[in-house]
Amino acid sequence: MINVVLVSSWEAGWRIIGDRGSLIWDGFDELQAEAARPVREGLFDRVEPIAVPPLDESDRIGGHLGVIQDFVRAVESGTDPETRGAPDPKIRS
């Protein structure tokens, strides 16, 4: 018997579609992009893959661990973390 573990990301998979192409994020580390070419085949644009540059560590990547690390860094330095909860000043009780 073969044990297969199917893993899915808590962040889910995302697809962003624009006028000139689309980007797919698998919820983990992989990004794929494609650009629409000016030639159509029936109802569909022809597409070509685009190389996605690697993510920069300074962009606060790292999933849930990155959020926790950012929070700890904020507590130690007295700065605001990227995901900060605060009352919305526009909402009045």
PDB file of N, CA and C in Angstrom:
ATOM      1  N   MET A   1       0.846  -1.178   0.000  1.00  0.00           N
ATOM      2  CA  MET A   1       0.000   0.000   0.000  1.00  0.00           C
ATOM      3  C   MET A   1       0.892   1.241   0.000  1.00  0.00           C
ATOM      4  N   ILE A   2       0.543   2.203  -0.821  1.00  0.00           N
ATOM      5  CA  ILE A   2       1.291   3.453  -0.902  1.00  0.00           C
ATOM      6  C   ILE A   2       0.517   4.534  -0.162  1.00  0.00           C
ATOM      7  N   ASN A   3       1.197   5.202   0.763  1.00  0.00           N
ATOM      8  CA  ASN A   3       0.579   6.317   1.469  1.00  0.00           C
ATOM      9  C   ASN A   3       0.834   7.594   0.695  1.00  0.00           C
ATOM     10  N   VAL A   4      -0.208   8.290   0.362  1.00  0.00           N
ATOM     11  CA  VAL A   4      -0.098   9.562  -0.350  1.00  0.00           C
ATOM     12  C   VAL A   4      -0.635  10.647   0.566  1.00  0.00           C
ATOM     13  N   VAL A   5       0.145  11.681   0.745  1.00  0.00           N
ATOM     14  CA  VAL A   5      -0.276  12.808   1.566  1.00  0.00           C
ATOM     15  C   VAL A   5      -0.577  13.979   0.646  1.00  0.00           C
ATOM     16  N   LEU A   6      -1.811  14.397   0.633  1.00  0.00           N
ATOM     17  CA  LEU A   6      -2.207  15.547  -0.165  1.00  0.00           C
ATOM     18  C   LEU A   6      -2.169  16.777   0.740  1.00  0.00           C
ATOM     19  N   VAL A   7      -1.348  17.712   0.382  1.00  0.00           N
ATOM     20  CA  VAL A   7      -1.173  18.903   1.203  1.00  0.00           C
ATOM     21  C   VAL A   7      -1.777  20.097   0.475  1.00  0.00           C
ATOM     22  N   SER A   8      -2.529  20.879   1.193  1.00  0.00           N
ATOM     23  CA  SER A   8      -3.045  22.125   0.621  1.00  0.00           C
ATOM     24  C   SER A   8      -2.633  23.279   1.528  1.00  0.00           C
ATOM     25  N   SER A   9      -2.493  24.419   0.935  1.00  0.00           N
ATOM     26  CA  SER A   9      -2.056  25.601   1.666  1.00  0.00           C
ATOM     27  C   SER A   9      -3.235  26.263   2.372  1.00  0.00           C
ATOM     28  N   TRP A  10      -2.987  26.795   3.554  1.00  0.00           N
ATOM     29  CA  TRP A  10      -4.020  27.572   4.249  1.00  0.00           C
ATOM     30  C   TRP A  10      -4.342  28.837   3.476  1.00  0.00           C
ATOM     31  N   GLU A  11      -3.368  29.314   2.696  1.00  0.00           N
ATOM     32  CA  GLU A  11      -3.570  30.537   1.920  1.00  0.00           C
ATOM     33  C   GLU A  11      -4.363  30.280   0.647  1.00  0.00           C
ATOM     34  N   ALA A  12      -4.545  29.019   0.271  1.00  0.00           N
ATOM     35  CA  ALA A  12      -5.273  28.618  -0.936  1.00  0.00           C
ATOM     36  C   ALA A  12      -4.480  28.972  -2.184  1.00  0.00           C
ATOM     37  N   GLY A  13      -5.015  28.622  -3.330  1.00  0.00           N
ATOM     38  CA  GLY A  13      -4.405  28.987  -4.598  1.00  0.00           C
ATOM     39  C   GLY A  13      -5.088  30.236  -5.141  1.00  0.00           C
ATOM     40  N   TRP A  14      -4.334  31.093  -5.787  1.00  0.00           N
ATOM     41  CA  TRP A  14      -4.864  32.347  -6.316  1.00  0.00           C
ATOM     42  C   TRP A  14      -4.533  32.472  -7.787  1.00  0.00           C
ATOM     43  N   ARG A  15      -5.446  33.029  -8.546  1.00  0.00           N
ATOM     44  CA  ARG A  15      -5.202  33.366  -9.942  1.00  0.00           C
ATOM     45  C   ARG A  15      -5.659  34.797 -10.148  1.00  0.00           C
ATOM     46  N   ILE A  16      -4.754  35.609 -10.662  1.00  0.00           N
ATOM     47  CA  ILE A  16      -5.050  37.010 -10.959  1.00  0.00           C
ATOM     48  C   ILE A  16      -5.048  37.146 -12.474  1.00  0.00           C
ATOM     49  N   ILE A  17      -6.147  37.647 -13.013  1.00  0.00           N
ATOM     50  CA  ILE A  17      -6.286  37.765 -14.457  1.00  0.00           C
ATOM     51  C   ILE A  17      -6.398  39.237 -14.824  1.00  0.00           C
ATOM     52  N   GLY A  18      -5.576  39.651 -15.789  1.00  0.00           N
ATOM     53  CA  GLY A  18      -5.601  41.032 -16.258  1.00  0.00           C
ATOM     54  C   GLY A  18      -5.776  41.085 -17.762  1.00  0.00           C
ATOM     55  N   ASP A  19      -5.760  42.298 -18.292  1.00  0.00           N
ATOM     56  CA  ASP A  19      -5.939  42.495 -19.728  1.00  0.00           C
ATOM     57  C   ASP A  19      -4.833  41.855 -20.554  1.00  0.00           C
ATOM     58  N   ARG A  20      -3.629  41.807 -19.985  1.00  0.00           N
ATOM     59  CA  ARG A  20      -2.480  41.347 -20.766  1.00  0.00           C
ATOM     60  C   ARG A  20      -1.896  40.030 -20.289  1.00  0.00           C
ATOM     61  N   GLY A  21      -2.601  39.332 -19.395  1.00  0.00           N
ATOM     62  CA  GLY A  21      -2.084  38.047 -18.944  1.00  0.00           C
ATOM     63  C   GLY A  21      -2.628  37.657 -17.591  1.00  0.00           C
ATOM     64  N   SER A  22      -2.004  36.651 -16.994  1.00  0.00           N
ATOM     65  CA  SER A  22      -2.453  36.186 -15.686  1.00  0.00           C
ATOM     66  C   SER A  22      -1.279  35.665 -14.865  1.00  0.00           C
ATOM     67  N   LEU A  23      -1.520  35.584 -13.565  1.00  0.00           N
ATOM     68  CA  LEU A  23      -0.526  35.111 -12.610  1.00  0.00           C
ATOM     69  C   LEU A  23      -1.214  34.091 -11.719  1.00  0.00           C
ATOM     70  N   ILE A  24      -0.535  32.991 -11.444  1.00  0.00           N
ATOM     71  CA  ILE A  24      -1.060  31.964 -10.548  1.00  0.00           C
ATOM     72  C   ILE A  24      -0.084  31.780  -9.396  1.00  0.00           C
ATOM     73  N   TRP A  25      -0.623  31.808  -8.165  1.00  0.00           N
ATOM     74  CA  TRP A  25       0.165  31.507  -6.965  1.00  0.00           C
ATOM     75  C   TRP A  25      -0.442  30.266  -6.347  1.00  0.00           C
ATOM     76  N   ASP A  26       0.381  29.263  -6.067  1.00  0.00           N
ATOM     77  CA  ASP A  26      -0.116  27.993  -5.558  1.00  0.00           C
ATOM     78  C   ASP A  26      -0.397  27.991  -4.057  1.00  0.00           C
ATOM     79  N   GLY A  27      -0.184  29.109  -3.375  1.00  0.00           N
ATOM     80  CA  GLY A  27      -0.398  29.166  -1.926  1.00  0.00           C
ATOM     81  C   GLY A  27       0.837  28.793  -1.141  1.00  0.00           C
ATOM     82  N   PHE A  28       1.853  28.330  -1.820  1.00  0.00           N
ATOM     83  CA  PHE A  28       3.117  27.985  -1.174  1.00  0.00           C
ATOM     84  C   PHE A  28       4.201  28.924  -1.704  1.00  0.00           C
ATOM     85  N   ASP A  29       5.040  28.436  -2.569  1.00  0.00           N
ATOM     86  CA  ASP A  29       6.175  29.221  -3.056  1.00  0.00           C
ATOM     87  C   ASP A  29       6.189  29.441  -4.559  1.00  0.00           C
ATOM     88  N   GLU A  30       5.330  28.771  -5.287  1.00  0.00           N
ATOM     89  CA  GLU A  30       5.432  28.836  -6.737  1.00  0.00           C
ATOM     90  C   GLU A  30       4.516  29.894  -7.348  1.00  0.00           C
ATOM     91  N   LEU A  31       5.117  30.732  -8.190  1.00  0.00           N
ATOM     92  CA  LEU A  31       4.382  31.712  -8.978  1.00  0.00           C
ATOM     93  C   LEU A  31       4.586  31.372 -10.449  1.00  0.00           C
ATOM     94  N   GLN A  32       3.511  31.410 -11.213  1.00  0.00           N
ATOM     95  CA  GLN A  32       3.593  31.207 -12.657  1.00  0.00           C
ATOM     96  C   GLN A  32       2.849  32.348 -13.319  1.00  0.00           C
ATOM     97  N   ALA A  33       3.395  32.846 -14.430  1.00  0.00           N
ATOM     98  CA  ALA A  33       2.748  33.944 -15.138  1.00  0.00           C
ATOM     99  C   ALA A  33       2.746  33.663 -16.622  1.00  0.00           C
ATOM    100  N   GLU A  34       1.771  34.233 -17.294  1.00  0.00           N
ATOM    101  CA  GLU A  34       1.710  34.134 -18.740  1.00  0.00           C
ATOM    102  C   GLU A  34       1.194  35.451 -19.299  1.00  0.00           C
ATOM    103  N   ALA A  35       1.680  35.812 -20.477  1.00  0.00           N
ATOM    104  CA  ALA A  35       1.268  37.042 -21.146  1.00  0.00           C
ATOM    105  C   ALA A  35       0.420  36.692 -22.357  1.00  0.00           C
ATOM    106  N   ALA A  36      -0.627  37.461 -22.561  1.00  0.00           N
ATOM    107  CA  ALA A  36      -1.459  37.277 -23.739  1.00  0.00           C
ATOM    108  C   ALA A  36      -0.743  37.865 -24.948  1.00  0.00           C
ATOM    109  N   ARG A  37      -0.733  37.120 -26.025  1.00  0.00           N
ATOM    110  CA  ARG A  37      -0.135  37.597 -27.266  1.00  0.00           C
ATOM    111  C   ARG A  37      -1.230  38.254 -28.098  1.00  0.00           C
ATOM    112  N   PRO A  38      -0.865  39.078 -29.063  1.00  0.00           N
ATOM    113  CA  PRO A  38      -1.888  39.770 -29.850  1.00  0.00           C
ATOM    114  C   PRO A  38      -2.663  38.856 -30.805  1.00  0.00           C
ATOM    115  N   VAL A  39      -2.287  37.586 -30.888  1.00  0.00           N
ATOM    116  CA  VAL A  39      -2.939  36.642 -31.798  1.00  0.00           C
ATOM    117  C   VAL A  39      -3.982  35.830 -31.028  1.00  0.00           C
ATOM    118  N   ARG A  40      -5.153  35.656 -31.607  1.00  0.00           N
ATOM    119  CA  ARG A  40      -6.214  34.857 -30.970  1.00  0.00           C
ATOM    120  C   ARG A  40      -6.428  33.572 -31.738  1.00  0.00           C
ATOM    121  N   GLU A  41      -6.857  32.557 -31.007  1.00  0.00           N
ATOM    122  CA  GLU A  41      -7.300  31.312 -31.609  1.00  0.00           C
ATOM    123  C   GLU A  41      -8.753  31.121 -31.204  1.00  0.00           C
ATOM    124  N   GLY A  42      -9.668  31.505 -32.057  1.00  0.00           N
ATOM    125  CA  GLY A  42     -11.087  31.417 -31.721  1.00  0.00           C
ATOM    126  C   GLY A  42     -11.422  32.406 -30.616  1.00  0.00           C
ATOM    127  N   LEU A  43     -11.929  31.888 -29.511  1.00  0.00           N
ATOM    128  CA  LEU A  43     -12.305  32.746 -28.380  1.00  0.00           C
ATOM    129  C   LEU A  43     -11.149  33.048 -27.440  1.00  0.00           C
ATOM    130  N   PHE A  44     -10.023  32.367 -27.614  1.00  0.00           N
ATOM    131  CA  PHE A  44      -8.957  32.450 -26.629  1.00  0.00           C
ATOM    132  C   PHE A  44      -7.723  33.170 -27.171  1.00  0.00           C
ATOM    133  N   ASP A  45      -7.111  33.979 -26.308  1.00  0.00           N
ATOM    134  CA  ASP A  45      -5.829  34.595 -26.646  1.00  0.00           C
ATOM    135  C   ASP A  45      -4.754  33.524 -26.615  1.00  0.00           C
ATOM    136  N   ARG A  46      -3.785  33.654 -27.480  1.00  0.00           N
ATOM    137  CA  ARG A  46      -2.589  32.825 -27.352  1.00  0.00           C
ATOM    138  C   ARG A  46      -1.773  33.425 -26.216  1.00  0.00           C
ATOM    139  N   VAL A  47      -1.117  32.586 -25.462  1.00  0.00           N
ATOM    140  CA  VAL A  47      -0.325  33.062 -24.323  1.00  0.00           C
ATOM    141  C   VAL A  47       1.082  32.497 -24.404  1.00  0.00           C
ATOM    142  N   GLU A  48       1.976  33.172 -23.699  1.00  0.00           N
ATOM    143  CA  GLU A  48       3.336  32.661 -23.571  1.00  0.00           C
ATOM    144  C   GLU A  48       3.759  32.808 -22.121  1.00  0.00           C
ATOM    145  N   PRO A  49       4.504  31.847 -21.600  1.00  0.00           N
ATOM    146  CA  PRO A  49       4.945  31.933 -20.198  1.00  0.00           C
ATOM    147  C   PRO A  49       5.919  33.087 -19.995  1.00  0.00           C
ATOM    148  N   ILE A  50       5.876  33.649 -18.800  1.00  0.00           N
ATOM    149  CA  ILE A  50       6.776  34.733 -18.406  1.00  0.00           C
ATOM    150  C   ILE A  50       7.550  34.262 -17.182  1.00  0.00           C
ATOM    151  N   ALA A  51       8.837  34.519 -17.154  1.00  0.00           N
ATOM    152  CA  ALA A  51       9.645  34.190 -15.971  1.00  0.00           C
ATOM    153  C   ALA A  51       9.280  35.158 -14.847  1.00  0.00           C
ATOM    154  N   VAL A  52       8.986  34.620 -13.688  1.00  0.00           N
ATOM    155  CA  VAL A  52       8.667  35.443 -12.519  1.00  0.00           C
ATOM    156  C   VAL A  52       9.944  35.585 -11.697  1.00  0.00           C
ATOM    157  N   PRO A  53      10.382  36.829 -11.445  1.00  0.00           N
ATOM    158  CA  PRO A  53      11.607  36.990 -10.651  1.00  0.00           C
ATOM    159  C   PRO A  53      11.416  36.453  -9.238  1.00  0.00           C
ATOM    160  N   PRO A  54      12.494  35.997  -8.603  1.00  0.00           N
ATOM    161  CA  PRO A  54      12.356  35.475  -7.237  1.00  0.00           C
ATOM    162  C   PRO A  54      11.896  36.569  -6.278  1.00  0.00           C
ATOM    163  N   LEU A  55      11.166  36.149  -5.247  1.00  0.00           N
ATOM    164  CA  LEU A  55      10.701  37.091  -4.238  1.00  0.00           C
ATOM    165  C   LEU A  55      11.884  37.595  -3.425  1.00  0.00           C
ATOM    166  N   ASP A  56      11.807  38.828  -3.012  1.00  0.00           N
ATOM    167  CA  ASP A  56      12.864  39.449  -2.219  1.00  0.00           C
ATOM    168  C   ASP A  56      12.520  39.286  -0.737  1.00  0.00           C
ATOM    169  N   GLU A  57      13.452  38.823   0.042  1.00  0.00           N
ATOM    170  CA  GLU A  57      13.215  38.619   1.482  1.00  0.00           C
ATOM    171  C   GLU A  57      12.766  39.902   2.182  1.00  0.00           C
ATOM    172  N   SER A  58      13.146  41.062   1.657  1.00  0.00           N
ATOM    173  CA  SER A  58      12.759  42.325   2.294  1.00  0.00           C
ATOM    174  C   SER A  58      11.275  42.630   2.084  1.00  0.00           C
ATOM    175  N   ASP A  59      10.594  41.864   1.242  1.00  0.00           N
ATOM    176  CA  ASP A  59       9.165  42.065   0.999  1.00  0.00           C
ATOM    177  C   ASP A  59       8.296  41.371   2.034  1.00  0.00           C
ATOM    178  N   ARG A  60       8.899  40.946   3.135  1.00  0.00           N
ATOM    179  CA  ARG A  60       8.173  40.318   4.244  1.00  0.00           C
ATOM    180  C   ARG A  60       7.429  39.072   3.805  1.00  0.00           C
ATOM    181  N   ILE A  61       8.137  38.163   3.157  1.00  0.00           N
ATOM    182  CA  ILE A  61       7.529  36.900   2.768  1.00  0.00           C
ATOM    183  C   ILE A  61       7.795  35.877   3.855  1.00  0.00           C
ATOM    184  N   GLY A  62       7.131  34.763   3.813  1.00  0.00           N
ATOM    185  CA  GLY A  62       7.405  33.710   4.784  1.00  0.00           C
ATOM    186  C   GLY A  62       6.165  33.084   5.372  1.00  0.00           C
ATOM    187  N   GLY A  63       5.003  33.346   4.812  1.00  0.00           N
ATOM    188  CA  GLY A  63       3.779  32.703   5.287  1.00  0.00           C
ATOM    189  C   GLY A  63       3.481  33.029   6.742  1.00  0.00           C
ATOM    190  N   HIS A  64       2.886  32.080   7.426  1.00  0.00           N
ATOM    191  CA  HIS A  64       2.492  32.295   8.826  1.00  0.00           C
ATOM    192  C   HIS A  64       3.715  32.523   9.710  1.00  0.00           C
ATOM    193  N   LEU A  65       4.791  31.783   9.452  1.00  0.00           N
ATOM    194  CA  LEU A  65       6.010  31.990  10.233  1.00  0.00           C
ATOM    195  C   LEU A  65       6.521  33.414  10.024  1.00  0.00           C
ATOM    196  N   GLY A  66       6.457  33.923   8.804  1.00  0.00           N
ATOM    197  CA  GLY A  66       6.893  35.294   8.517  1.00  0.00           C
ATOM    198  C   GLY A  66       6.069  36.326   9.273  1.00  0.00           C
ATOM    199  N   VAL A  67       4.759  36.081   9.392  1.00  0.00           N
ATOM    200  CA  VAL A  67       3.889  37.001  10.135  1.00  0.00           C
ATOM    201  C   VAL A  67       4.278  37.003  11.615  1.00  0.00           C
ATOM    202  N   ILE A  68       4.528  35.816  12.176  1.00  0.00           N
ATOM    203  CA  ILE A  68       4.921  35.719  13.591  1.00  0.00           C
ATOM    204  C   ILE A  68       6.280  36.375  13.812  1.00  0.00           C
ATOM    205  N   GLN A  69       7.240  36.127  12.908  1.00  0.00           N
ATOM    206  CA  GLN A  69       8.557  36.752  13.031  1.00  0.00           C
ATOM    207  C   GLN A  69       8.443  38.275  12.949  1.00  0.00           C
ATOM    208  N   ASP A  70       7.590  38.774  12.050  1.00  0.00           N
ATOM    209  CA  ASP A  70       7.384  40.212  11.915  1.00  0.00           C
ATOM    210  C   ASP A  70       6.779  40.796  13.196  1.00  0.00           C
ATOM    211  N   PHE A  71       5.849  40.068  13.812  1.00  0.00           N
ATOM    212  CA  PHE A  71       5.244  40.515  15.061  1.00  0.00           C
ATOM    213  C   PHE A  71       6.286  40.601  16.176  1.00  0.00           C
ATOM    214  N   VAL A  72       7.103  39.560  16.313  1.00  0.00           N
ATOM    215  CA  VAL A  72       8.150  39.553  17.346  1.00  0.00           C
ATOM    216  C   VAL A  72       9.122  40.709  17.110  1.00  0.00           C
ATOM    217  N   ARG A  73       9.530  40.919  15.878  1.00  0.00           N
ATOM    218  CA  ARG A  73      10.437  42.022  15.534  1.00  0.00           C
ATOM    219  C   ARG A  73       9.804  43.372  15.908  1.00  0.00           C
ATOM    220  N   ALA A  74       8.489  43.506  15.671  1.00  0.00           N
ATOM    221  CA  ALA A  74       7.796  44.751  16.000  1.00  0.00           C
ATOM    222  C   ALA A  74       7.759  44.984  17.506  1.00  0.00           C
ATOM    223  N   VAL A  75       7.495  43.918  18.275  1.00  0.00           N
ATOM    224  CA  VAL A  75       7.470  44.047  19.734  1.00  0.00           C
ATOM    225  C   VAL A  75       8.847  44.448  20.248  1.00  0.00           C
ATOM    226  N   GLU A  76       9.901  43.814  19.717  1.00  0.00           N
ATOM    227  CA  GLU A  76      11.257  44.112  20.170  1.00  0.00           C
ATOM    228  C   GLU A  76      11.722  45.517  19.770  1.00  0.00           C
ATOM    229  N   SER A  77      11.280  45.988  18.614  1.00  0.00           N
ATOM    230  CA  SER A  77      11.772  47.284  18.117  1.00  0.00           C
ATOM    231  C   SER A  77      10.810  48.438  18.369  1.00  0.00           C
ATOM    232  N   GLY A  78       9.566  48.132  18.757  1.00  0.00           N
ATOM    233  CA  GLY A  78       8.586  49.189  18.998  1.00  0.00           C
ATOM    234  C   GLY A  78       7.948  49.718  17.721  1.00  0.00           C
ATOM    235  N   THR A  79       8.136  49.031  16.589  1.00  0.00           N
ATOM    236  CA  THR A  79       7.524  49.447  15.325  1.00  0.00           C
ATOM    237  C   THR A  79       6.214  48.704  15.125  1.00  0.00           C
ATOM    238  N   ASP A  80       5.432  49.119  14.152  1.00  0.00           N
ATOM    239  CA  ASP A  80       4.185  48.433  13.826  1.00  0.00           C
ATOM    240  C   ASP A  80       4.465  47.233  12.930  1.00  0.00           C
ATOM    241  N   PRO A  81       3.852  46.078  13.228  1.00  0.00           N
ATOM    242  CA  PRO A  81       3.989  44.940  12.326  1.00  0.00           C
ATOM    243  C   PRO A  81       3.155  45.182  11.064  1.00  0.00           C
ATOM    244  N   GLU A  82       3.419  44.408  10.039  1.00  0.00           N
ATOM    245  CA  GLU A  82       2.679  44.576   8.785  1.00  0.00           C
ATOM    246  C   GLU A  82       1.195  44.301   8.978  1.00  0.00           C
ATOM    247  N   THR A  83       0.851  43.277   9.754  1.00  0.00           N
ATOM    248  CA  THR A  83      -0.554  42.962  10.012  1.00  0.00           C
ATOM    249  C   THR A  83      -0.893  43.447  11.412  1.00  0.00           C
ATOM    250  N   ARG A  84      -1.427  44.642  11.489  1.00  0.00           N
ATOM    251  CA  ARG A  84      -1.695  45.306  12.753  1.00  0.00           C
ATOM    252  C   ARG A  84      -3.195  45.477  12.915  1.00  0.00           C
ATOM    253  N   GLY A  85      -3.705  45.152  14.060  1.00  0.00           N
ATOM    254  CA  GLY A  85      -5.125  45.345  14.335  1.00  0.00           C
ATOM    255  C   GLY A  85      -5.320  46.619  15.140  1.00  0.00           C
ATOM    256  N   ALA A  86      -6.193  47.469  14.661  1.00  0.00           N
ATOM    257  CA  ALA A  86      -6.494  48.720  15.366  1.00  0.00           C
ATOM    258  C   ALA A  86      -7.909  49.135  14.995  1.00  0.00           C
ATOM    259  N   PRO A  87      -8.576  49.858  15.887  1.00  0.00           N
ATOM    260  CA  PRO A  87      -9.916  50.338  15.542  1.00  0.00           C
ATOM    261  C   PRO A  87      -9.851  51.260  14.333  1.00  0.00           C
ATOM    262  N   ASP A  88     -10.842  51.155  13.483  1.00  0.00           N
ATOM    263  CA  ASP A  88     -10.926  52.030  12.317  1.00  0.00           C
ATOM    264  C   ASP A  88     -11.464  53.381  12.793  1.00  0.00           C
ATOM    265  N   PRO A  89     -10.673  54.455  12.634  1.00  0.00           N
ATOM    266  CA  PRO A  89     -11.149  55.767  13.113  1.00  0.00           C
ATOM    267  C   PRO A  89     -12.352  56.284  12.361  1.00  0.00           C
ATOM    268  N   LYS A  90     -12.682  55.717  11.204  1.00  0.00           N
ATOM    269  CA  LYS A  90     -13.831  56.177  10.434  1.00  0.00           C
ATOM    270  C   LYS A  90     -15.141  55.592  10.947  1.00  0.00           C
ATOM    271  N   ILE A  91     -15.051  54.510  11.758  1.00  0.00           N
ATOM    272  CA  ILE A  91     -16.254  53.863  12.276  1.00  0.00           C
ATOM    273  C   ILE A  91     -16.527  54.410  13.679  1.00  0.00           C
ATOM    274  N   ARG A  92     -17.727  54.885  13.854  1.00  0.00           N
ATOM    275  CA  ARG A  92     -18.108  55.435  15.157  1.00  0.00           C
ATOM    276  C   ARG A  92     -19.190  54.566  15.780  1.00  0.00           C
ATOM    277  N   SER A  93     -19.055  54.331  17.069  1.00  0.00           N
ATOM    278  CA  SER A  93     -20.036  53.483  17.756  1.00  0.00           C
ATOM    279  C   SER A  93     -21.298  54.249  18.026  1.00  0.00           C
TER     280      SER A  93
END
